[in-house]
């Protein structure tokens, strides 16, 4: 009869559930940049159609659109973060 004390013990291996490849850091997506770019293009178009092809007014329109777009996008990011 075999002696059970001398046998090697069988250890049960517990399998960990395999998670999908997950980065510990979240990718931060910002609406502020996208909205700023779109508003800058809109500001450029408005300045072109109202003042003609004057470079000063086109630059002012582009900057004003970018600033307003950034502020709107930043407010959108804040409201999304609340939820």
Protein backbone atom coordinates (compact mmCIF):
# COMPACT_ATOMS: atom_id res chain seq x y z
CA UNK A 1 0.00 0.00 0.00
CA UNK A 2 1.43 3.42 -0.93
CA UNK A 3 2.47 5.75 1.77
CA UNK A 4 0.66 9.04 1.30
CA UNK A 5 3.09 10.99 3.47
CA UNK A 6 5.86 10.53 0.96
CA UNK A 7 3.87 11.65 -2.06
CA UNK A 8 4.26 15.11 -3.44
CA UNK A 9 1.35 17.35 -2.68
CA UNK A 10 -0.76 18.69 -5.53
CA UNK A 11 -1.40 22.38 -5.22
CA UNK A 12 -4.42 23.80 -6.94
CA UNK A 13 -3.58 26.77 -9.07
CA UNK A 14 -6.12 29.56 -8.92
CA UNK A 15 -6.47 31.33 -12.22
CA UNK A 16 -6.72 35.09 -12.12
CA UNK A 17 -9.30 36.53 -14.50
CA UNK A 18 -7.51 38.02 -17.45
CA UNK A 19 -8.28 41.70 -17.83
CA UNK A 20 -7.98 43.28 -21.24
CA UNK A 21 -4.83 45.25 -21.85
CA UNK A 22 -5.58 48.13 -19.59
CA UNK A 23 -3.45 51.18 -19.02
CA UNK A 24 -3.42 52.43 -15.49
CA UNK A 25 -3.52 55.98 -16.77
CA UNK A 26 -6.58 57.34 -18.48
CA UNK A 27 -6.15 59.19 -21.71
CA UNK A 28 -7.28 62.71 -21.11
CA UNK A 29 -9.43 63.95 -23.93
CA UNK A 30 -10.18 67.60 -24.05
CA UNK A 31 -13.02 69.30 -25.88
CA UNK A 32 -11.32 72.66 -25.35
CA UNK A 33 -8.74 72.12 -28.08
CA UNK A 34 -11.21 70.83 -30.66
CA UNK A 35 -13.73 73.59 -30.03
CA UNK A 36 -10.97 76.22 -30.04
CA UNK A 37 -9.77 75.09 -33.47
CA UNK A 38 -13.29 75.02 -34.91
CA UNK A 39 -14.12 78.44 -33.46
CA UNK A 40 -10.84 79.87 -34.78
CA UNK A 41 -11.77 78.72 -38.28
CA UNK A 42 -15.23 80.23 -37.84
CA UNK A 43 -13.71 83.49 -36.58
CA UNK A 44 -11.39 83.57 -39.59
CA UNK A 45 -14.33 83.09 -41.94
CA UNK A 46 -16.41 85.79 -40.25
CA UNK A 47 -13.51 88.25 -40.36
CA UNK A 48 -12.86 87.46 -44.03
CA UNK A 49 -16.48 87.95 -45.07
CA UNK A 50 -17.00 91.12 -43.02
CA UNK A 51 -13.68 92.96 -43.46
CA UNK A 52 -12.28 91.44 -46.63
CA UNK A 53 -8.79 90.01 -46.87
CA UNK A 54 -7.18 92.49 -44.47
CA UNK A 55 -4.58 90.42 -42.54
CA UNK A 56 -4.98 92.39 -39.30
CA UNK A 57 -8.71 91.74 -39.06
CA UNK A 58 -8.31 88.13 -40.10
CA UNK A 59 -5.78 87.63 -37.30
CA UNK A 60 -8.04 89.38 -34.77
CA UNK A 61 -11.01 87.24 -35.85
CA UNK A 62 -8.98 84.05 -35.63
CA UNK A 63 -7.64 84.88 -32.15
CA UNK A 64 -11.05 85.96 -30.87
CA UNK A 65 -12.62 82.76 -32.18
CA UNK A 66 -9.89 80.63 -30.64
CA UNK A 67 -10.25 82.30 -27.24
CA UNK A 68 -14.03 81.99 -27.21
CA UNK A 69 -13.79 78.38 -28.43
CA UNK A 70 -11.30 77.50 -25.71
CA UNK A 71 -13.53 78.97 -23.02
CA UNK A 72 -16.59 77.14 -24.32
CA UNK A 73 -14.67 73.86 -24.61
CA UNK A 74 -13.25 74.28 -21.12
CA UNK A 75 -16.78 74.79 -19.75
CA UNK A 76 -17.86 71.64 -21.59
CA UNK A 77 -15.00 69.68 -20.00
CA UNK A 78 -16.01 70.90 -16.55
CA UNK A 79 -19.64 69.95 -17.02
CA UNK A 80 -18.69 66.49 -18.31
CA UNK A 81 -16.36 65.95 -15.34
CA UNK A 82 -19.20 66.67 -12.89
CA UNK A 83 -21.18 63.66 -14.03
